C-alpha cells in the first residue's frame, strides 16, 4: 500500500497519504447536500445520487475495503476570487485522478475510486435514458458516498486546509 502514496506523488498530486477505510463514515447529512442539488448534478449522472445508490448501499460498498490512499491537489490563489486558478486546479486534479484511478484499477481491479465532484468522463451523461457508456471508468464523488471530506483528511493525517490563498481538492481510492 505504501507504493500507492509514491505512485500518487509521481502522478503529480501535491499530497498523498494512506487511509484506514474502517474509519470512513457515510453520513446522511453529507448526502443531503447532494439532494439539495447545490452542484446541479443530482439526478443527472450515473455517478451521483440517486443513481449511485442509497447512503446505506454506498456505506456497504465502502465497508468491503480495509484501506486506501487519499490524494490532494493544492493550488496557490492570487486572492479569494481567483476563479482561473481554481478552475485550473480542478482540471489538474481531475486529470491526475483519472490517471491514478486507471493505473490502480489495472493493479487492483476491484478498487473503489472516489473523486472530487461529479464524474466528467463524458461531456453529457446518458442518465437516466441509457446505461453508462464507461461503467469501468466512471467516478463517483466522495460526497456522493456520504463522506465528509474534511474528516477523511483528518483521519488520514492530511490537512484539509493549507492556509490563506490556497484551495485543495481531495479524492481517494479504496482497496
N, C-alpha and C. Protein backbone atom coordinates (compact mmCIF):
# COMPACT_ATOMS: atom_id res chain seq x y z
N UNK A 1 0.81 -1.21 0.00
CA UNK A 1 0.00 0.00 0.00
C UNK A 1 0.85 1.27 0.00
N UNK A 2 1.99 1.23 0.63
CA UNK A 2 2.85 2.42 0.66
C UNK A 2 3.27 2.82 -0.76
N UNK A 3 3.32 1.83 -1.66
CA UNK A 3 3.64 2.13 -3.05
C UNK A 3 2.60 3.05 -3.69
N UNK A 4 1.37 2.99 -3.18
CA UNK A 4 0.31 3.85 -3.72
C UNK A 4 0.58 5.32 -3.45
N UNK A 5 1.14 5.62 -2.30
CA UNK A 5 1.48 7.01 -1.99
C UNK A 5 2.54 7.50 -2.96
N UNK A 6 3.55 6.69 -3.19
CA UNK A 6 4.61 7.07 -4.14
C UNK A 6 4.03 7.23 -5.55
N UNK A 7 3.20 6.30 -5.96
CA UNK A 7 2.57 6.38 -7.28
C UNK A 7 1.75 7.67 -7.40
N UNK A 8 0.98 8.00 -6.37
CA UNK A 8 0.16 9.22 -6.40
C UNK A 8 1.03 10.46 -6.52
N UNK A 9 2.11 10.51 -5.78
CA UNK A 9 3.00 11.67 -5.85
C UNK A 9 3.69 11.73 -7.21
N UNK A 10 4.04 10.56 -7.75
CA UNK A 10 4.65 10.51 -9.08
C UNK A 10 3.69 10.99 -10.17
N UNK A 11 2.40 10.71 -10.00
CA UNK A 11 1.38 11.15 -10.96
C UNK A 11 1.27 12.67 -10.94
N UNK A 12 1.58 13.29 -9.79
CA UNK A 12 1.58 14.74 -9.72
C UNK A 12 0.75 15.37 -8.62
N UNK A 13 0.21 14.57 -7.71
CA UNK A 13 -0.56 15.13 -6.61
C UNK A 13 0.35 15.88 -5.65
N UNK A 14 -0.17 16.91 -5.02
CA UNK A 14 0.58 17.70 -4.05
C UNK A 14 0.85 16.92 -2.77
N UNK A 15 -0.15 16.13 -2.35
CA UNK A 15 -0.07 15.38 -1.10
C UNK A 15 -0.76 14.04 -1.28
N UNK A 16 -0.31 13.04 -0.53
CA UNK A 16 -0.94 11.72 -0.54
C UNK A 16 -0.65 11.03 0.78
N UNK A 17 -1.61 10.25 1.25
CA UNK A 17 -1.44 9.50 2.49
C UNK A 17 -2.31 8.25 2.45
N UNK A 18 -1.86 7.25 3.17
CA UNK A 18 -2.68 6.05 3.30
C UNK A 18 -3.86 6.37 4.20
N UNK A 19 -4.96 5.66 3.98
CA UNK A 19 -6.10 5.85 4.87
C UNK A 19 -6.64 4.50 5.31
N UNK A 20 -7.25 4.51 6.48
CA UNK A 20 -7.86 3.33 7.08
C UNK A 20 -9.34 3.37 6.71
N UNK A 21 -9.76 2.50 5.82
CA UNK A 21 -11.14 2.54 5.33
C UNK A 21 -12.15 2.24 6.42
N UNK A 22 -11.74 1.59 7.50
CA UNK A 22 -12.68 1.30 8.58
C UNK A 22 -13.12 2.58 9.30
N UNK A 23 -12.40 3.68 9.09
CA UNK A 23 -12.76 4.95 9.73
C UNK A 23 -13.77 5.76 8.90
N UNK A 24 -14.03 5.32 7.68
CA UNK A 24 -14.93 6.06 6.80
C UNK A 24 -16.38 5.91 7.26
N UNK A 25 -17.09 7.01 7.29
CA UNK A 25 -18.49 7.02 7.69
C UNK A 25 -19.33 7.70 6.61
N UNK A 26 -20.34 6.98 6.13
CA UNK A 26 -21.28 7.54 5.17
C UNK A 26 -22.33 8.31 5.97
N UNK A 27 -22.29 9.62 5.87
CA UNK A 27 -23.16 10.47 6.68
C UNK A 27 -24.37 10.97 5.88
N UNK A 28 -25.58 10.73 6.38
CA UNK A 28 -26.77 11.20 5.67
C UNK A 28 -26.76 12.71 5.45
N UNK A 29 -26.20 13.48 6.39
CA UNK A 29 -26.19 14.93 6.23
C UNK A 29 -25.31 15.38 5.06
N UNK A 30 -24.28 14.60 4.74
CA UNK A 30 -23.46 14.93 3.57
C UNK A 30 -24.26 14.62 2.31
N UNK A 31 -24.91 13.48 2.30
CA UNK A 31 -25.75 13.11 1.16
C UNK A 31 -26.87 14.12 0.96
N UNK A 32 -27.37 14.69 2.06
CA UNK A 32 -28.42 15.70 1.95
C UNK A 32 -27.95 16.91 1.14
N UNK A 33 -26.64 17.20 1.18
CA UNK A 33 -26.11 18.29 0.35
C UNK A 33 -26.29 17.95 -1.13
N UNK A 34 -26.15 16.65 -1.47
CA UNK A 34 -26.39 16.23 -2.85
C UNK A 34 -27.86 16.43 -3.21
N UNK A 35 -28.74 16.02 -2.32
CA UNK A 35 -30.17 16.12 -2.57
C UNK A 35 -30.58 17.58 -2.77
N UNK A 36 -29.91 18.51 -2.07
CA UNK A 36 -30.25 19.93 -2.24
C UNK A 36 -29.79 20.46 -3.60
N UNK A 37 -29.01 19.65 -4.32
CA UNK A 37 -28.58 19.92 -5.70
C UNK A 37 -27.75 21.20 -5.84
N UNK A 38 -26.90 21.44 -4.85
CA UNK A 38 -26.03 22.62 -4.90
C UNK A 38 -25.09 22.58 -6.10
N UNK A 39 -24.67 21.40 -6.51
CA UNK A 39 -23.74 21.30 -7.65
C UNK A 39 -24.49 21.09 -8.98
N UNK A 40 -25.79 20.98 -8.92
CA UNK A 40 -26.64 20.81 -10.10
C UNK A 40 -26.41 19.48 -10.84
N UNK A 41 -25.99 18.44 -10.11
CA UNK A 41 -25.77 17.13 -10.74
C UNK A 41 -26.70 16.05 -10.17
N UNK A 42 -27.46 16.36 -9.11
CA UNK A 42 -28.34 15.38 -8.51
C UNK A 42 -29.38 14.91 -9.54
N UNK A 43 -29.45 13.59 -9.71
CA UNK A 43 -30.40 13.02 -10.66
C UNK A 43 -30.05 13.24 -12.11
N UNK A 44 -28.80 13.61 -12.38
CA UNK A 44 -28.38 13.88 -13.76
C UNK A 44 -27.17 13.07 -14.19
N UNK A 45 -26.69 12.18 -13.32
CA UNK A 45 -25.46 11.43 -13.62
C UNK A 45 -25.51 10.06 -12.96
N UNK A 46 -24.97 9.07 -13.67
CA UNK A 46 -24.87 7.73 -13.09
C UNK A 46 -23.97 7.71 -11.86
N UNK A 47 -23.06 8.67 -11.76
CA UNK A 47 -22.10 8.69 -10.64
C UNK A 47 -22.63 9.39 -9.40
N UNK A 48 -23.78 10.04 -9.54
CA UNK A 48 -24.34 10.85 -8.44
C UNK A 48 -25.62 10.21 -7.91
N UNK A 49 -26.05 10.66 -6.73
CA UNK A 49 -27.34 10.19 -6.22
C UNK A 49 -28.46 10.67 -7.14
N UNK A 50 -29.51 9.95 -7.24
CA UNK A 50 -29.77 8.67 -6.60
C UNK A 50 -29.17 7.46 -7.33
N UNK A 51 -28.63 7.66 -8.53
CA UNK A 51 -28.15 6.54 -9.35
C UNK A 51 -27.00 5.76 -8.71
N UNK A 52 -26.15 6.41 -7.92
CA UNK A 52 -25.00 5.71 -7.33
C UNK A 52 -25.40 4.83 -6.15
N UNK A 53 -26.66 4.89 -5.75
CA UNK A 53 -27.14 4.06 -4.66
C UNK A 53 -27.49 4.87 -3.43
N UNK A 54 -28.22 4.24 -2.54
CA UNK A 54 -28.62 4.89 -1.29
C UNK A 54 -27.41 5.05 -0.38
N UNK A 55 -27.54 5.84 0.64
CA UNK A 55 -26.45 6.02 1.61
C UNK A 55 -26.10 4.68 2.26
N UNK A 56 -27.08 3.83 2.46
CA UNK A 56 -26.82 2.50 3.03
C UNK A 56 -26.03 1.63 2.05
N UNK A 57 -26.36 1.74 0.78
CA UNK A 57 -25.64 0.97 -0.24
C UNK A 57 -24.20 1.45 -0.40
N UNK A 58 -23.99 2.76 -0.39
CA UNK A 58 -22.63 3.27 -0.52
C UNK A 58 -21.80 2.91 0.71
N UNK A 59 -22.43 2.96 1.89
CA UNK A 59 -21.73 2.58 3.13
C UNK A 59 -21.32 1.11 3.07
N UNK A 60 -22.21 0.26 2.57
CA UNK A 60 -21.91 -1.17 2.46
C UNK A 60 -20.77 -1.41 1.46
N UNK A 61 -20.76 -0.67 0.36
CA UNK A 61 -19.66 -0.81 -0.61
C UNK A 61 -18.33 -0.44 0.03
N UNK A 62 -18.31 0.69 0.74
CA UNK A 62 -17.05 1.12 1.38
C UNK A 62 -16.60 0.16 2.46
N UNK A 63 -17.55 -0.48 3.15
CA UNK A 63 -17.22 -1.40 4.24
C UNK A 63 -16.47 -2.64 3.73
N UNK A 64 -16.52 -2.89 2.43
CA UNK A 64 -15.83 -4.05 1.85
C UNK A 64 -14.32 -3.82 1.72
N UNK A 65 -13.86 -2.60 2.00
CA UNK A 65 -12.44 -2.25 1.83
C UNK A 65 -11.79 -2.01 3.18
N UNK A 66 -10.49 -2.29 3.25
CA UNK A 66 -9.77 -2.10 4.51
C UNK A 66 -8.87 -0.88 4.51
N UNK A 67 -8.46 -0.43 3.36
CA UNK A 67 -7.54 0.70 3.31
C UNK A 67 -7.67 1.45 2.00
N UNK A 68 -6.69 2.30 1.77
CA UNK A 68 -6.70 3.07 0.54
C UNK A 68 -5.70 4.20 0.60
N UNK A 69 -5.85 5.10 -0.34
CA UNK A 69 -4.96 6.26 -0.42
C UNK A 69 -5.82 7.51 -0.64
N UNK A 70 -5.47 8.56 0.08
CA UNK A 70 -6.09 9.86 -0.08
C UNK A 70 -5.11 10.73 -0.85
N UNK A 71 -5.59 11.42 -1.87
CA UNK A 71 -4.73 12.27 -2.69
C UNK A 71 -5.28 13.68 -2.73
N UNK A 72 -4.38 14.66 -2.84
CA UNK A 72 -4.80 16.06 -2.86
C UNK A 72 -4.00 16.86 -3.88
N UNK A 73 -4.69 17.83 -4.45
CA UNK A 73 -4.07 18.83 -5.31
C UNK A 73 -4.30 20.17 -4.63
N UNK A 74 -3.23 20.85 -4.25
CA UNK A 74 -3.34 22.15 -3.60
C UNK A 74 -2.80 23.22 -4.54
N UNK A 75 -3.60 24.26 -4.70
CA UNK A 75 -3.23 25.38 -5.57
C UNK A 75 -3.07 26.64 -4.76
N UNK A 76 -2.14 27.47 -5.19
CA UNK A 76 -1.98 28.81 -4.63
C UNK A 76 -2.87 29.76 -5.42
N UNK A 77 -3.61 30.60 -4.73
CA UNK A 77 -4.50 31.55 -5.37
C UNK A 77 -3.95 32.97 -5.20
N UNK A 78 -4.22 33.81 -6.17
CA UNK A 78 -3.81 35.22 -6.05
C UNK A 78 -4.65 35.93 -4.99
N UNK A 79 -5.93 35.56 -4.94
CA UNK A 79 -6.84 36.10 -3.93
C UNK A 79 -8.02 35.13 -3.81
N UNK A 80 -8.97 35.43 -2.93
CA UNK A 80 -10.09 34.53 -2.68
C UNK A 80 -11.05 34.40 -3.86
N UNK A 81 -10.89 35.23 -4.87
CA UNK A 81 -11.78 35.22 -6.03
C UNK A 81 -11.06 34.82 -7.31
N UNK A 82 -9.92 34.14 -7.18
CA UNK A 82 -9.09 33.75 -8.32
C UNK A 82 -9.70 32.52 -9.02
N UNK A 83 -10.78 32.76 -9.74
CA UNK A 83 -11.52 31.68 -10.39
C UNK A 83 -10.67 30.94 -11.42
N UNK A 84 -9.76 31.63 -12.08
CA UNK A 84 -8.91 30.99 -13.09
C UNK A 84 -8.01 29.93 -12.45
N UNK A 85 -7.39 30.24 -11.33
CA UNK A 85 -6.54 29.27 -10.64
C UNK A 85 -7.36 28.14 -10.05
N UNK A 86 -8.57 28.44 -9.56
CA UNK A 86 -9.45 27.41 -9.02
C UNK A 86 -9.82 26.41 -10.11
N UNK A 87 -10.20 26.92 -11.28
CA UNK A 87 -10.58 26.05 -12.39
C UNK A 87 -9.39 25.23 -12.87
N UNK A 88 -8.22 25.84 -12.92
CA UNK A 88 -7.02 25.12 -13.36
C UNK A 88 -6.68 24.01 -12.38
N UNK A 89 -6.82 24.28 -11.09
CA UNK A 89 -6.52 23.26 -10.08
C UNK A 89 -7.51 22.11 -10.17
N UNK A 90 -8.77 22.43 -10.38
CA UNK A 90 -9.78 21.38 -10.51
C UNK A 90 -9.49 20.50 -11.72
N UNK A 91 -9.17 21.13 -12.85
CA UNK A 91 -8.86 20.39 -14.08
C UNK A 91 -7.64 19.50 -13.87
N UNK A 92 -6.60 20.03 -13.27
CA UNK A 92 -5.39 19.26 -13.00
C UNK A 92 -5.68 18.09 -12.07
N UNK A 93 -6.45 18.35 -11.01
CA UNK A 93 -6.79 17.28 -10.07
C UNK A 93 -7.56 16.17 -10.78
N UNK A 94 -8.54 16.54 -11.59
CA UNK A 94 -9.33 15.54 -12.33
C UNK A 94 -8.44 14.72 -13.26
N UNK A 95 -7.53 15.40 -13.99
CA UNK A 95 -6.62 14.68 -14.90
C UNK A 95 -5.73 13.72 -14.13
N UNK A 96 -5.15 14.19 -13.05
CA UNK A 96 -4.27 13.33 -12.26
C UNK A 96 -5.05 12.16 -11.65
N UNK A 97 -6.26 12.45 -11.18
CA UNK A 97 -7.02 11.37 -10.55
C UNK A 97 -7.47 10.34 -11.57
N UNK A 98 -7.85 10.76 -12.75
CA UNK A 98 -8.23 9.81 -13.80
C UNK A 98 -7.04 8.90 -14.13
N UNK A 99 -5.85 9.49 -14.22
CA UNK A 99 -4.63 8.71 -14.49
C UNK A 99 -4.36 7.72 -13.36
N UNK A 100 -4.42 8.20 -12.12
CA UNK A 100 -4.16 7.33 -10.97
C UNK A 100 -5.20 6.22 -10.89
N UNK A 101 -6.47 6.56 -11.06
CA UNK A 101 -7.53 5.55 -11.00
C UNK A 101 -7.33 4.48 -12.06
N UNK A 102 -6.96 4.90 -13.27
CA UNK A 102 -6.71 3.93 -14.35
C UNK A 102 -5.58 2.99 -13.96
N UNK A 103 -4.49 3.52 -13.44
CA UNK A 103 -3.35 2.70 -13.06
C UNK A 103 -3.68 1.76 -11.90
N UNK A 104 -4.37 2.28 -10.89
CA UNK A 104 -4.71 1.44 -9.73
C UNK A 104 -5.72 0.37 -10.13
N UNK A 105 -6.66 0.70 -11.02
CA UNK A 105 -7.62 -0.32 -11.47
C UNK A 105 -6.92 -1.47 -12.20
N UNK A 106 -5.82 -1.19 -12.88
CA UNK A 106 -5.06 -2.26 -13.53
C UNK A 106 -4.43 -3.18 -12.49
N UNK A 107 -3.93 -2.60 -11.41
CA UNK A 107 -3.28 -3.36 -10.34
C UNK A 107 -4.29 -4.01 -9.39
N UNK A 108 -5.39 -3.31 -9.15
CA UNK A 108 -6.42 -3.75 -8.19
C UNK A 108 -7.79 -3.56 -8.83
N UNK A 109 -8.22 -4.49 -9.69
CA UNK A 109 -9.46 -4.31 -10.45
C UNK A 109 -10.71 -4.04 -9.60
N UNK A 110 -10.73 -4.46 -8.37
CA UNK A 110 -11.91 -4.25 -7.53
C UNK A 110 -11.87 -3.00 -6.68
N UNK A 111 -10.92 -2.11 -6.94
CA UNK A 111 -10.79 -0.90 -6.12
C UNK A 111 -11.99 0.03 -6.31
N UNK A 112 -12.13 0.99 -5.40
CA UNK A 112 -13.21 1.96 -5.49
C UNK A 112 -12.63 3.37 -5.48
N UNK A 113 -12.49 3.99 -6.66
CA UNK A 113 -12.02 5.38 -6.73
C UNK A 113 -13.17 6.34 -6.47
N UNK A 114 -12.95 7.31 -5.59
CA UNK A 114 -13.94 8.34 -5.28
C UNK A 114 -13.28 9.69 -5.48
N UNK A 115 -13.82 10.49 -6.37
CA UNK A 115 -13.18 11.71 -6.80
C UNK A 115 -13.75 12.96 -6.12
N UNK A 116 -13.25 14.08 -6.53
CA UNK A 116 -13.77 15.38 -6.08
C UNK A 116 -14.77 15.85 -7.14
N UNK A 117 -16.01 15.92 -6.78
CA UNK A 117 -17.03 16.35 -7.73
C UNK A 117 -17.55 15.20 -8.58
N UNK A 118 -18.47 15.54 -9.42
CA UNK A 118 -19.14 14.56 -10.26
C UNK A 118 -18.21 14.02 -11.35
N UNK A 119 -18.57 12.87 -11.88
CA UNK A 119 -17.84 12.27 -12.99
C UNK A 119 -17.88 13.23 -14.19
N UNK A 120 -16.74 13.37 -14.85
CA UNK A 120 -16.67 14.27 -16.01
C UNK A 120 -16.08 13.56 -17.24
N UNK A 121 -16.14 12.25 -17.24
CA UNK A 121 -15.58 11.49 -18.36
C UNK A 121 -16.31 11.81 -19.66
N UNK A 122 -17.64 11.86 -19.59
CA UNK A 122 -18.43 12.19 -20.78
C UNK A 122 -18.91 13.64 -20.70
N UNK A 123 -18.98 14.26 -21.84
CA UNK A 123 -19.49 15.65 -21.89
C UNK A 123 -20.93 15.69 -21.39
N UNK A 124 -21.73 14.71 -21.81
CA UNK A 124 -23.12 14.60 -21.39
C UNK A 124 -23.38 13.17 -20.92
N UNK A 125 -23.86 13.02 -19.70
CA UNK A 125 -24.14 11.69 -19.14
C UNK A 125 -25.41 11.14 -19.78
N UNK A 126 -25.45 9.84 -19.94
CA UNK A 126 -26.61 9.16 -20.53
C UNK A 126 -27.74 8.96 -19.53
N UNK A 127 -27.50 9.27 -18.25
CA UNK A 127 -28.50 9.05 -17.21
C UNK A 127 -29.74 9.90 -17.47
N UNK A 128 -30.93 9.38 -17.31
CA UNK A 128 -31.33 8.01 -16.97
C UNK A 128 -31.77 7.19 -18.17
N UNK A 129 -31.57 7.75 -19.37
CA UNK A 129 -32.14 7.15 -20.57
C UNK A 129 -31.40 5.93 -21.10
N UNK A 130 -30.09 5.89 -20.92
CA UNK A 130 -29.28 4.78 -21.43
C UNK A 130 -28.25 4.41 -20.37
N UNK A 131 -27.72 3.19 -20.46
CA UNK A 131 -26.67 2.79 -19.50
C UNK A 131 -25.42 3.67 -19.64
N UNK A 132 -24.65 3.71 -18.60
CA UNK A 132 -23.38 4.44 -18.60
C UNK A 132 -22.51 3.91 -19.74
N UNK A 133 -21.89 4.83 -20.49
CA UNK A 133 -21.02 4.44 -21.59
C UNK A 133 -19.74 3.77 -21.11
N UNK A 134 -19.25 4.19 -19.95
CA UNK A 134 -17.96 3.71 -19.43
C UNK A 134 -18.06 3.32 -17.96
N UNK A 135 -18.85 2.28 -17.63
CA UNK A 135 -19.01 1.93 -16.21
C UNK A 135 -17.70 1.56 -15.52
N UNK A 136 -16.74 1.06 -16.26
CA UNK A 136 -15.44 0.70 -15.68
C UNK A 136 -14.53 1.89 -15.44
N UNK A 137 -14.92 3.06 -15.94
CA UNK A 137 -14.12 4.28 -15.75
C UNK A 137 -14.84 5.33 -14.91
N UNK A 138 -16.16 5.16 -14.73
CA UNK A 138 -16.98 6.14 -14.02
C UNK A 138 -16.41 6.40 -12.62
N UNK A 139 -16.51 7.66 -12.20
CA UNK A 139 -16.00 8.06 -10.89
C UNK A 139 -17.09 8.79 -10.12
N UNK A 140 -17.49 8.24 -8.99
CA UNK A 140 -18.40 8.93 -8.08
C UNK A 140 -17.59 9.82 -7.17
N UNK A 141 -18.25 10.79 -6.56
CA UNK A 141 -17.55 11.68 -5.64
C UNK A 141 -17.56 11.13 -4.22
N UNK A 142 -16.63 11.62 -3.44
CA UNK A 142 -16.59 11.26 -2.03
C UNK A 142 -17.90 11.67 -1.35
N UNK A 143 -18.41 12.84 -1.70
CA UNK A 143 -19.65 13.34 -1.10
C UNK A 143 -20.85 12.48 -1.50
N UNK A 144 -20.87 11.99 -2.75
CA UNK A 144 -21.97 11.12 -3.19
C UNK A 144 -22.04 9.88 -2.33
N UNK A 145 -20.91 9.45 -1.80
CA UNK A 145 -20.86 8.30 -0.92
C UNK A 145 -21.08 8.68 0.54
N UNK A 146 -21.35 9.96 0.78
CA UNK A 146 -21.66 10.42 2.13
C UNK A 146 -20.45 10.78 2.97
N UNK A 147 -19.29 10.91 2.34
CA UNK A 147 -18.07 11.19 3.11
C UNK A 147 -17.90 12.69 3.35
N UNK A 148 -17.61 13.05 4.58
CA UNK A 148 -17.24 14.41 4.93
C UNK A 148 -15.75 14.53 4.67
N UNK A 149 -15.39 15.20 3.61
CA UNK A 149 -14.00 15.22 3.12
C UNK A 149 -13.04 15.72 4.19
N UNK A 150 -13.42 16.74 4.93
CA UNK A 150 -12.52 17.27 5.97
C UNK A 150 -12.21 16.21 7.02
N UNK A 151 -13.17 15.37 7.35
CA UNK A 151 -12.94 14.30 8.34
C UNK A 151 -12.05 13.21 7.76
N UNK A 152 -12.26 12.86 6.50
CA UNK A 152 -11.41 11.85 5.86
C UNK A 152 -9.96 12.33 5.85
N UNK A 153 -9.76 13.62 5.53
CA UNK A 153 -8.41 14.18 5.53
C UNK A 153 -7.79 14.09 6.93
N UNK A 154 -8.54 14.49 7.93
CA UNK A 154 -8.06 14.45 9.31
C UNK A 154 -7.69 13.02 9.70
N UNK A 155 -8.57 12.07 9.39
CA UNK A 155 -8.31 10.67 9.73
C UNK A 155 -7.09 10.11 9.02
N UNK A 156 -6.78 10.63 7.83
CA UNK A 156 -5.62 10.16 7.07
C UNK A 156 -4.35 10.93 7.44
N UNK A 157 -4.49 11.94 8.30
CA UNK A 157 -3.32 12.70 8.75
C UNK A 157 -2.90 13.79 7.79
N UNK A 158 -3.79 14.22 6.92
CA UNK A 158 -3.50 15.32 6.00
C UNK A 158 -4.40 16.51 6.33
N UNK A 159 -3.88 17.72 6.21
CA UNK A 159 -4.75 18.88 6.42
C UNK A 159 -5.83 18.95 5.34
N UNK A 160 -6.93 19.55 5.68
CA UNK A 160 -7.98 19.85 4.71
C UNK A 160 -7.76 21.26 4.17
N UNK A 161 -7.18 22.10 5.00
CA UNK A 161 -6.95 23.50 4.66
C UNK A 161 -5.46 23.79 4.82
N UNK A 162 -4.85 24.34 3.78
CA UNK A 162 -3.42 24.61 3.77
C UNK A 162 -3.08 26.09 3.93
N UNK A 163 -4.03 26.87 4.38
CA UNK A 163 -3.76 28.26 4.67
C UNK A 163 -4.39 29.23 3.70
N UNK A 164 -4.25 30.53 4.01
CA UNK A 164 -4.84 31.56 3.17
C UNK A 164 -4.35 31.47 1.72
N UNK A 165 -5.23 31.82 0.84
CA UNK A 165 -4.94 31.84 -0.60
C UNK A 165 -4.53 30.47 -1.14
N UNK A 166 -5.15 29.42 -0.58
CA UNK A 166 -4.96 28.07 -1.12
C UNK A 166 -6.33 27.43 -1.35
N UNK A 167 -6.34 26.47 -2.23
CA UNK A 167 -7.53 25.66 -2.48
C UNK A 167 -7.04 24.23 -2.68
N UNK A 168 -7.68 23.29 -2.02
CA UNK A 168 -7.27 21.89 -2.12
C UNK A 168 -8.43 21.02 -2.55
N UNK A 169 -8.19 20.19 -3.56
CA UNK A 169 -9.14 19.16 -3.98
C UNK A 169 -8.64 17.83 -3.44
N UNK A 170 -9.58 17.02 -2.92
CA UNK A 170 -9.22 15.72 -2.33
C UNK A 170 -10.03 14.62 -2.97
N UNK A 171 -9.40 13.46 -3.15
CA UNK A 171 -10.04 12.27 -3.69
C UNK A 171 -9.40 11.07 -3.00
N UNK A 172 -10.01 9.90 -3.16
CA UNK A 172 -9.42 8.70 -2.56
C UNK A 172 -9.71 7.48 -3.41
N UNK A 173 -8.90 6.46 -3.19
CA UNK A 173 -9.12 5.16 -3.81
C UNK A 173 -9.07 4.14 -2.70
N UNK A 174 -10.14 3.33 -2.59
CA UNK A 174 -10.22 2.31 -1.56
C UNK A 174 -9.82 0.96 -2.14
N UNK A 175 -9.07 0.23 -1.32
CA UNK A 175 -8.59 -1.12 -1.71
C UNK A 175 -8.97 -2.13 -0.63
